[in-house]
Amino acid sequence: MYRIRSWSVRNARWLKSAYAAFETLLVWIDPLLRRVGYDRLDKPFAAIEKVTKGLLLDSQGCGQCIVGATGLSCPMNCPKKIRNGPCGGVRSDGTCEVDAKMPCVWVLAWEGNKRFADNGYPIQRLQPPVDNRLIGKSAWLREVRIRTQPTRETPREV
């Protein structure tokens, strides 16, 4: 799995573009997804995600994917499950302090982040902690709902 994960990080630019196109398609078909029902679609989508993101990103299926901000390196592969940068135990050769055979996922994340076409650094944004209730759920459908549902804080008329 590490070889494919490394390949994905090296190809982060075009993979992120492909993912953005796929996400745009999902947002576009949101009315259909709503009609079928997000609850009904969650298990099949999560299964597809498990295969595709599991293969390409070694995704751990947390249900709140942030690989778009972490250079396509899944932070859930960190033995400590840290989502906001390395723990401080990264060895001088870039390997993990817990598993010396494993490169630190955050070293890979920074490398992948530098390859993004926009040259921005989304890796520097603070990420929320993992919500364990979402583990095994579809991150794709969650993202579509976030993007298509109106915010709850709409201005009230007085």
N, C-alpha and C. Protein backbone atom coordinates (compact mmCIF):
# COMPACT_ATOMS: atom_id res chain seq x y z
N MET A 1 0.82 -1.20 0.00
CA MET A 1 0.00 0.00 0.00
C MET A 1 0.86 1.26 0.00
N TYR A 2 2.01 1.20 0.63
CA TYR A 2 2.84 2.39 0.73
C TYR A 2 3.26 2.89 -0.65
N ARG A 3 3.57 1.98 -1.56
CA ARG A 3 3.99 2.39 -2.91
C ARG A 3 2.90 3.19 -3.62
N ILE A 4 1.66 2.72 -3.50
CA ILE A 4 0.56 3.42 -4.17
C ILE A 4 0.31 4.75 -3.47
N ARG A 5 0.36 4.77 -2.14
CA ARG A 5 0.18 6.02 -1.40
C ARG A 5 1.25 7.04 -1.82
N SER A 6 2.48 6.59 -1.96
CA SER A 6 3.56 7.48 -2.39
C SER A 6 3.32 7.98 -3.81
N TRP A 7 2.85 7.09 -4.68
CA TRP A 7 2.53 7.47 -6.05
C TRP A 7 1.45 8.56 -6.04
N SER A 8 0.43 8.40 -5.22
CA SER A 8 -0.65 9.39 -5.14
C SER A 8 -0.13 10.74 -4.68
N VAL A 9 0.77 10.74 -3.71
CA VAL A 9 1.36 12.00 -3.23
C VAL A 9 2.18 12.65 -4.34
N ARG A 10 2.94 11.84 -5.08
CA ARG A 10 3.75 12.38 -6.18
C ARG A 10 2.88 12.94 -7.30
N ASN A 11 1.68 12.42 -7.45
CA ASN A 11 0.76 12.85 -8.50
C ASN A 11 -0.41 13.66 -7.94
N ALA A 12 -0.17 14.33 -6.84
CA ALA A 12 -1.23 15.04 -6.12
C ALA A 12 -1.93 16.09 -6.98
N ARG A 13 -1.19 16.76 -7.84
CA ARG A 13 -1.78 17.86 -8.61
C ARG A 13 -2.93 17.38 -9.48
N TRP A 14 -2.68 16.40 -10.33
CA TRP A 14 -3.76 15.98 -11.24
C TRP A 14 -4.80 15.13 -10.52
N LEU A 15 -4.42 14.40 -9.49
CA LEU A 15 -5.42 13.64 -8.74
C LEU A 15 -6.39 14.57 -8.01
N LYS A 16 -5.87 15.69 -7.48
CA LYS A 16 -6.75 16.65 -6.82
C LYS A 16 -7.70 17.26 -7.85
N SER A 17 -7.21 17.54 -9.05
CA SER A 17 -8.07 18.08 -10.11
C SER A 17 -9.15 17.08 -10.49
N ALA A 18 -8.79 15.82 -10.61
CA ALA A 18 -9.77 14.78 -10.93
C ALA A 18 -10.82 14.67 -9.83
N TYR A 19 -10.36 14.74 -8.58
CA TYR A 19 -11.30 14.66 -7.46
C TYR A 19 -12.24 15.87 -7.47
N ALA A 20 -11.71 17.06 -7.76
CA ALA A 20 -12.55 18.26 -7.81
C ALA A 20 -13.63 18.13 -8.89
N ALA A 21 -13.27 17.56 -10.03
CA ALA A 21 -14.24 17.34 -11.10
C ALA A 21 -15.32 16.36 -10.67
N PHE A 22 -14.90 15.29 -9.98
CA PHE A 22 -15.86 14.30 -9.49
C PHE A 22 -16.79 14.93 -8.45
N GLU A 23 -16.23 15.74 -7.58
CA GLU A 23 -17.03 16.40 -6.55
C GLU A 23 -18.04 17.36 -7.19
N THR A 24 -17.63 18.07 -8.24
CA THR A 24 -18.53 18.96 -8.96
C THR A 24 -19.69 18.17 -9.55
N LEU A 25 -19.39 17.01 -10.10
CA LEU A 25 -20.44 16.14 -10.64
C LEU A 25 -21.42 15.74 -9.54
N LEU A 26 -20.90 15.34 -8.38
CA LEU A 26 -21.78 14.94 -7.28
C LEU A 26 -22.66 16.09 -6.81
N VAL A 27 -22.10 17.29 -6.74
CA VAL A 27 -22.89 18.46 -6.34
C VAL A 27 -23.96 18.73 -7.39
N TRP A 28 -23.61 18.56 -8.66
CA TRP A 28 -24.56 18.78 -9.74
C TRP A 28 -25.74 17.81 -9.67
N ILE A 29 -25.47 16.56 -9.30
CA ILE A 29 -26.56 15.57 -9.23
C ILE A 29 -27.19 15.49 -7.84
N ASP A 30 -26.92 16.48 -7.00
CA ASP A 30 -27.49 16.50 -5.65
C ASP A 30 -29.01 16.31 -5.63
N PRO A 31 -29.78 16.95 -6.52
CA PRO A 31 -31.23 16.71 -6.48
C PRO A 31 -31.60 15.23 -6.62
N LEU A 32 -30.88 14.53 -7.48
CA LEU A 32 -31.12 13.10 -7.64
C LEU A 32 -30.73 12.35 -6.37
N LEU A 33 -29.60 12.70 -5.81
CA LEU A 33 -29.14 12.05 -4.57
C LEU A 33 -30.15 12.26 -3.45
N ARG A 34 -30.70 13.46 -3.36
CA ARG A 34 -31.72 13.75 -2.33
C ARG A 34 -32.97 12.92 -2.56
N ARG A 35 -33.35 12.80 -3.85
CA ARG A 35 -34.56 12.05 -4.17
C ARG A 35 -34.41 10.57 -3.77
N VAL A 36 -33.26 9.99 -4.07
CA VAL A 36 -33.01 8.60 -3.69
C VAL A 36 -32.87 8.49 -2.18
N GLY A 37 -32.21 9.48 -1.59
CA GLY A 37 -32.04 9.52 -0.14
C GLY A 37 -30.60 9.27 0.27
N TYR A 38 -30.03 10.26 0.94
CA TYR A 38 -28.64 10.13 1.37
C TYR A 38 -28.44 8.95 2.31
N ASP A 39 -29.39 8.70 3.19
CA ASP A 39 -29.23 7.56 4.11
C ASP A 39 -29.18 6.24 3.36
N ARG A 40 -29.98 6.13 2.32
CA ARG A 40 -30.01 4.91 1.52
C ARG A 40 -28.71 4.75 0.71
N LEU A 41 -28.12 5.85 0.28
CA LEU A 41 -26.93 5.82 -0.56
C LEU A 41 -25.63 5.71 0.23
N ASP A 42 -25.68 5.96 1.53
CA ASP A 42 -24.45 6.05 2.32
C ASP A 42 -23.62 4.76 2.28
N LYS A 43 -24.24 3.62 2.48
CA LYS A 43 -23.46 2.36 2.49
C LYS A 43 -22.83 2.05 1.13
N PRO A 44 -23.56 2.15 0.02
CA PRO A 44 -22.90 1.88 -1.27
C PRO A 44 -21.78 2.87 -1.58
N PHE A 45 -21.99 4.15 -1.28
CA PHE A 45 -20.93 5.14 -1.52
C PHE A 45 -19.73 4.86 -0.63
N ALA A 46 -19.97 4.55 0.63
CA ALA A 46 -18.86 4.25 1.54
C ALA A 46 -18.07 3.03 1.06
N ALA A 47 -18.76 2.05 0.50
CA ALA A 47 -18.07 0.86 -0.01
C ALA A 47 -17.19 1.22 -1.22
N ILE A 48 -17.71 2.07 -2.10
CA ILE A 48 -16.92 2.51 -3.25
C ILE A 48 -15.72 3.33 -2.79
N GLU A 49 -15.95 4.20 -1.83
CA GLU A 49 -14.85 5.00 -1.27
C GLU A 49 -13.78 4.11 -0.65
N LYS A 50 -14.23 3.10 0.05
CA LYS A 50 -13.27 2.20 0.72
C LYS A 50 -12.33 1.57 -0.31
N VAL A 51 -12.88 1.18 -1.45
CA VAL A 51 -12.06 0.55 -2.48
C VAL A 51 -11.16 1.58 -3.17
N THR A 52 -11.76 2.67 -3.67
CA THR A 52 -10.97 3.62 -4.45
C THR A 52 -10.00 4.41 -3.59
N LYS A 53 -10.50 5.03 -2.53
CA LYS A 53 -9.62 5.82 -1.67
C LYS A 53 -8.70 4.92 -0.85
N GLY A 54 -9.16 3.73 -0.57
CA GLY A 54 -8.30 2.78 0.13
C GLY A 54 -7.11 2.39 -0.72
N LEU A 55 -7.35 2.17 -2.00
CA LEU A 55 -6.27 1.80 -2.91
C LEU A 55 -5.33 2.97 -3.18
N LEU A 56 -5.90 4.11 -3.58
CA LEU A 56 -5.07 5.24 -3.99
C LEU A 56 -4.42 6.01 -2.83
N LEU A 57 -5.14 6.12 -1.72
CA LEU A 57 -4.67 6.98 -0.64
C LEU A 57 -4.39 6.23 0.66
N ASP A 58 -4.64 4.93 0.65
CA ASP A 58 -4.56 4.15 1.89
C ASP A 58 -5.47 4.76 2.95
N SER A 59 -6.64 5.19 2.50
CA SER A 59 -7.62 5.85 3.36
C SER A 59 -8.10 4.90 4.44
N GLN A 60 -8.33 5.45 5.61
CA GLN A 60 -8.80 4.66 6.73
C GLN A 60 -10.30 4.79 6.96
N GLY A 61 -11.00 5.52 6.08
CA GLY A 61 -12.46 5.58 6.12
C GLY A 61 -13.03 6.30 7.33
N CYS A 62 -12.47 7.44 7.67
CA CYS A 62 -12.94 8.17 8.85
C CYS A 62 -14.26 8.89 8.61
N GLY A 63 -14.66 9.06 7.34
CA GLY A 63 -15.92 9.71 7.03
C GLY A 63 -15.83 11.22 6.98
N GLN A 64 -14.68 11.77 7.21
CA GLN A 64 -14.47 13.22 7.15
C GLN A 64 -13.11 13.51 6.55
N CYS A 65 -12.99 13.10 5.31
CA CYS A 65 -11.72 13.12 4.59
C CYS A 65 -11.17 14.53 4.45
N ILE A 66 -9.87 14.68 4.75
CA ILE A 66 -9.21 15.97 4.61
C ILE A 66 -7.98 15.89 3.71
N VAL A 67 -7.89 14.83 2.90
CA VAL A 67 -6.70 14.65 2.06
C VAL A 67 -6.51 15.79 1.07
N GLY A 68 -7.56 16.53 0.75
CA GLY A 68 -7.42 17.69 -0.12
C GLY A 68 -6.61 18.80 0.54
N ALA A 69 -6.50 18.74 1.85
CA ALA A 69 -5.70 19.71 2.59
C ALA A 69 -4.39 19.12 3.07
N THR A 70 -4.19 17.83 2.86
CA THR A 70 -2.98 17.18 3.36
C THR A 70 -2.20 16.49 2.25
N GLY A 71 -2.18 17.09 1.09
CA GLY A 71 -1.35 16.59 0.01
C GLY A 71 -1.66 15.18 -0.43
N LEU A 72 -2.91 14.74 -0.27
CA LEU A 72 -3.38 13.40 -0.59
C LEU A 72 -2.70 12.32 0.25
N SER A 73 -2.24 12.70 1.42
CA SER A 73 -1.69 11.75 2.39
C SER A 73 -2.69 11.66 3.54
N CYS A 74 -3.29 10.51 3.73
CA CYS A 74 -4.32 10.35 4.76
C CYS A 74 -3.69 10.43 6.15
N PRO A 75 -4.03 11.44 6.94
CA PRO A 75 -3.44 11.57 8.27
C PRO A 75 -3.88 10.47 9.23
N MET A 76 -4.93 9.75 8.87
CA MET A 76 -5.38 8.67 9.74
C MET A 76 -4.44 7.47 9.68
N ASN A 77 -3.45 7.52 8.79
CA ASN A 77 -2.42 6.49 8.77
C ASN A 77 -1.36 6.73 9.83
N CYS A 78 -1.38 7.89 10.44
CA CYS A 78 -0.47 8.18 11.54
C CYS A 78 -0.84 7.26 12.70
N PRO A 79 0.13 6.56 13.28
CA PRO A 79 -0.20 5.66 14.39
C PRO A 79 -0.88 6.38 15.56
N LYS A 80 -0.65 7.68 15.66
CA LYS A 80 -1.27 8.46 16.74
C LYS A 80 -2.56 9.14 16.29
N LYS A 81 -2.94 8.97 15.02
CA LYS A 81 -4.16 9.54 14.42
C LYS A 81 -4.20 11.06 14.55
N ILE A 82 -3.06 11.71 14.39
CA ILE A 82 -2.97 13.16 14.51
C ILE A 82 -3.37 13.80 13.18
N ARG A 83 -4.31 14.76 13.23
CA ARG A 83 -4.85 15.39 12.03
C ARG A 83 -4.31 16.80 11.77
N ASN A 84 -3.43 17.29 12.60
CA ASN A 84 -2.96 18.66 12.44
C ASN A 84 -1.46 18.77 12.51
N GLY A 85 -0.78 17.99 11.74
CA GLY A 85 0.67 18.09 11.67
C GLY A 85 1.38 17.03 12.48
N PRO A 86 2.67 16.90 12.25
CA PRO A 86 3.43 15.85 12.91
C PRO A 86 3.48 16.05 14.42
N CYS A 87 3.65 14.96 15.12
CA CYS A 87 3.60 14.97 16.58
C CYS A 87 4.85 15.53 17.23
N GLY A 88 5.88 15.74 16.48
CA GLY A 88 7.14 16.19 17.06
C GLY A 88 8.10 15.03 17.24
N GLY A 89 7.62 13.84 16.94
CA GLY A 89 8.46 12.65 17.07
C GLY A 89 8.97 12.14 15.75
N VAL A 90 8.93 12.99 14.73
CA VAL A 90 9.44 12.59 13.42
C VAL A 90 10.95 12.46 13.52
N ARG A 91 11.44 11.34 13.06
CA ARG A 91 12.90 11.13 13.08
C ARG A 91 13.58 12.01 12.04
N SER A 92 14.87 12.21 12.21
CA SER A 92 15.61 13.10 11.30
C SER A 92 15.59 12.62 9.85
N ASP A 93 15.37 11.32 9.64
CA ASP A 93 15.29 10.81 8.27
C ASP A 93 13.86 10.84 7.71
N GLY A 94 12.91 11.44 8.46
CA GLY A 94 11.53 11.58 8.00
C GLY A 94 10.63 10.41 8.31
N THR A 95 11.12 9.44 9.08
CA THR A 95 10.28 8.29 9.43
C THR A 95 9.56 8.55 10.75
N CYS A 96 8.56 7.74 10.99
CA CYS A 96 7.71 7.85 12.17
C CYS A 96 8.45 7.40 13.43
N GLU A 97 8.17 8.09 14.53
CA GLU A 97 8.80 7.68 15.79
C GLU A 97 8.23 6.37 16.32
N VAL A 98 6.99 6.06 15.96
CA VAL A 98 6.35 4.83 16.44
C VAL A 98 6.76 3.64 15.60
N ASP A 99 6.85 3.83 14.28
CA ASP A 99 7.22 2.77 13.35
C ASP A 99 8.36 3.27 12.46
N ALA A 100 9.56 2.91 12.79
CA ALA A 100 10.74 3.42 12.08
C ALA A 100 10.78 3.01 10.61
N LYS A 101 10.01 2.01 10.20
CA LYS A 101 9.98 1.59 8.80
C LYS A 101 9.03 2.45 7.97
N MET A 102 8.19 3.23 8.65
CA MET A 102 7.14 3.98 7.98
C MET A 102 7.51 5.46 7.88
N PRO A 103 7.45 6.03 6.66
CA PRO A 103 7.65 7.48 6.56
C PRO A 103 6.52 8.20 7.29
N CYS A 104 6.83 9.30 7.91
CA CYS A 104 5.80 10.09 8.59
C CYS A 104 4.78 10.54 7.57
N VAL A 105 3.50 10.32 7.85
CA VAL A 105 2.45 10.73 6.91
C VAL A 105 2.45 12.24 6.70
N TRP A 106 2.93 12.98 7.68
CA TRP A 106 2.96 14.43 7.55
C TRP A 106 4.12 14.92 6.69
N VAL A 107 5.19 14.19 6.64
CA VAL A 107 6.27 14.52 5.71
C VAL A 107 5.74 14.31 4.28
N LEU A 108 5.03 13.20 4.06
CA LEU A 108 4.42 12.96 2.75
C LEU A 108 3.36 14.02 2.45
N ALA A 109 2.60 14.39 3.45
CA ALA A 109 1.53 15.39 3.27
C ALA A 109 2.11 16.71 2.80
N TRP A 110 3.19 17.13 3.39
CA TRP A 110 3.80 18.40 3.00
C TRP A 110 4.32 18.31 1.57
N GLU A 111 4.93 17.18 1.20
CA GLU A 111 5.42 16.99 -0.16
C GLU A 111 4.27 17.06 -1.16
N GLY A 112 3.17 16.37 -0.86
CA GLY A 112 2.01 16.39 -1.75
C GLY A 112 1.38 17.77 -1.83
N ASN A 113 1.32 18.47 -0.71
CA ASN A 113 0.72 19.79 -0.68
C ASN A 113 1.49 20.77 -1.56
N LYS A 114 2.80 20.64 -1.62
CA LYS A 114 3.61 21.51 -2.46
C LYS A 114 3.33 21.27 -3.94
N ARG A 115 2.78 20.12 -4.30
CA ARG A 115 2.51 19.80 -5.70
C ARG A 115 1.16 20.32 -6.20
N PHE A 116 0.30 20.76 -5.30
CA PHE A 116 -1.00 21.26 -5.73
C PHE A 116 -0.82 22.44 -6.66
N ALA A 117 -1.64 22.51 -7.70
CA ALA A 117 -1.51 23.53 -8.73
C ALA A 117 -1.70 24.94 -8.22
N ASP A 118 -2.54 25.12 -7.22
CA ASP A 118 -2.84 26.49 -6.77
C ASP A 118 -1.73 27.10 -5.93
N ASN A 119 -0.73 26.30 -5.58
CA ASN A 119 0.40 26.75 -4.78
C ASN A 119 -0.01 27.33 -3.43
N GLY A 120 -1.26 27.14 -3.04
CA GLY A 120 -1.69 27.53 -1.70
C GLY A 120 -1.24 26.46 -0.72
N TYR A 121 -1.41 26.71 0.53
CA TYR A 121 -1.00 25.74 1.54
C TYR A 121 -2.16 25.41 2.46
N PRO A 122 -3.17 24.66 1.95
CA PRO A 122 -4.30 24.30 2.80
C PRO A 122 -3.87 23.43 3.98
N ILE A 123 -2.68 22.86 3.92
CA ILE A 123 -2.18 22.01 5.00
C ILE A 123 -2.03 22.82 6.29
N GLN A 124 -1.93 24.14 6.16
CA GLN A 124 -1.74 24.99 7.33
C GLN A 124 -3.05 25.35 8.02
N ARG A 125 -4.18 24.95 7.46
CA ARG A 125 -5.48 25.20 8.11
C ARG A 125 -5.70 24.20 9.23
N LEU A 126 -6.19 24.69 10.34
CA LEU A 126 -6.49 23.83 11.48
C LEU A 126 -7.69 22.94 11.14
N GLN A 127 -7.54 21.64 11.35
CA GLN A 127 -8.59 20.68 11.05
C GLN A 127 -9.31 20.28 12.33
N PRO A 128 -10.62 20.05 12.24
CA PRO A 128 -11.35 19.62 13.44
C PRO A 128 -10.96 18.19 13.81
N PRO A 129 -11.15 17.82 15.07
CA PRO A 129 -10.85 16.44 15.46
C PRO A 129 -11.80 15.47 14.78
N VAL A 130 -11.43 14.21 14.76
CA VAL A 130 -12.26 13.18 14.15
C VAL A 130 -13.54 13.01 14.95
N ASP A 131 -14.65 12.97 14.24
CA ASP A 131 -15.95 12.67 14.85
C ASP A 131 -16.15 11.16 14.65
N ASN A 132 -15.98 10.39 15.69
CA ASN A 132 -16.03 8.94 15.58
C ASN A 132 -17.38 8.41 15.10
N ARG A 133 -18.42 9.22 15.19
CA ARG A 133 -19.74 8.79 14.70
C ARG A 133 -19.75 8.67 13.18
N LEU A 134 -18.81 9.31 12.50
CA LEU A 134 -18.78 9.31 11.03
C LEU A 134 -17.88 8.23 10.44
N ILE A 135 -17.15 7.51 11.26
CA ILE A 135 -16.26 6.46 10.76
C ILE A 135 -17.09 5.42 10.01
N GLY A 136 -16.65 5.10 8.80
CA GLY A 136 -17.36 4.13 7.96
C GLY A 136 -18.46 4.74 7.11
N LYS A 137 -18.71 6.04 7.25
CA LYS A 137 -19.72 6.73 6.45
C LYS A 137 -19.06 7.33 5.22
N SER A 138 -19.85 7.74 4.27
CA SER A 138 -19.34 8.31 3.02
C SER A 138 -18.92 9.77 3.22
N ALA A 139 -17.64 10.04 3.04
CA ALA A 139 -17.13 11.41 3.11
C ALA A 139 -17.59 12.19 1.88
N TRP A 140 -17.73 11.52 0.75
CA TRP A 140 -18.19 12.20 -0.47
C TRP A 140 -19.59 12.77 -0.27
N LEU A 141 -20.50 11.94 0.22
CA LEU A 141 -21.88 12.41 0.41
C LEU A 141 -21.94 13.48 1.49
N ARG A 142 -21.13 13.36 2.50
CA ARG A 142 -21.08 14.38 3.56
C ARG A 142 -20.66 15.72 2.96
N GLU A 143 -19.65 15.71 2.11
CA GLU A 143 -19.17 16.94 1.49
C GLU A 143 -20.24 17.55 0.58
N VAL A 144 -20.95 16.73 -0.16
CA VAL A 144 -22.01 17.24 -1.03
C VAL A 144 -23.10 17.90 -0.18
N ARG A 145 -23.48 17.26 0.91
CA ARG A 145 -24.50 17.87 1.78
C ARG A 145 -24.03 19.20 2.35
N ILE A 146 -22.77 19.27 2.75
CA ILE A 146 -22.23 20.52 3.29
C ILE A 146 -22.29 21.61 2.23
N ARG A 147 -21.95 21.28 1.00
CA ARG A 147 -21.90 22.28 -0.07
C ARG A 147 -23.27 22.69 -0.61
N THR A 148 -24.26 21.83 -0.47
CA THR A 148 -25.56 22.13 -1.09
C THR A 148 -26.63 22.56 -0.10
N GLN A 149 -26.49 22.27 1.14
CA GLN A 149 -27.51 22.66 2.11
C GLN A 149 -27.28 24.10 2.54
N PRO A 150 -28.34 24.88 2.60
CA PRO A 150 -28.17 26.26 3.06
C PRO A 150 -27.71 26.27 4.51
N THR A 151 -26.96 27.32 4.85
CA THR A 151 -26.49 27.40 6.23
C THR A 151 -27.68 27.64 7.15
N ARG A 152 -27.52 27.20 8.36
CA ARG A 152 -28.61 27.38 9.34
C ARG A 152 -28.66 28.82 9.86
N GLU A 153 -27.60 29.56 9.66
CA GLU A 153 -27.53 30.92 10.16
C GLU A 153 -27.94 31.90 9.07
N THR A 154 -29.17 31.78 8.59
CA THR A 154 -29.65 32.70 7.57
C THR A 154 -30.21 33.93 8.27
N PRO A 155 -30.07 35.09 7.66
CA PRO A 155 -30.58 36.31 8.29
C PRO A 155 -32.08 36.24 8.50
N ARG A 156 -32.52 36.71 9.64
CA ARG A 156 -33.97 36.71 9.93
C ARG A 156 -34.54 38.09 9.62
N GLU A 157 -35.76 38.07 9.13
CA GLU A 157 -36.43 39.34 8.86
C GLU A 157 -37.01 39.84 10.16
N VAL A 158 -36.93 41.16 10.36
CA VAL A 158 -37.43 41.76 11.60
C VAL A 158 -38.73 42.46 11.33
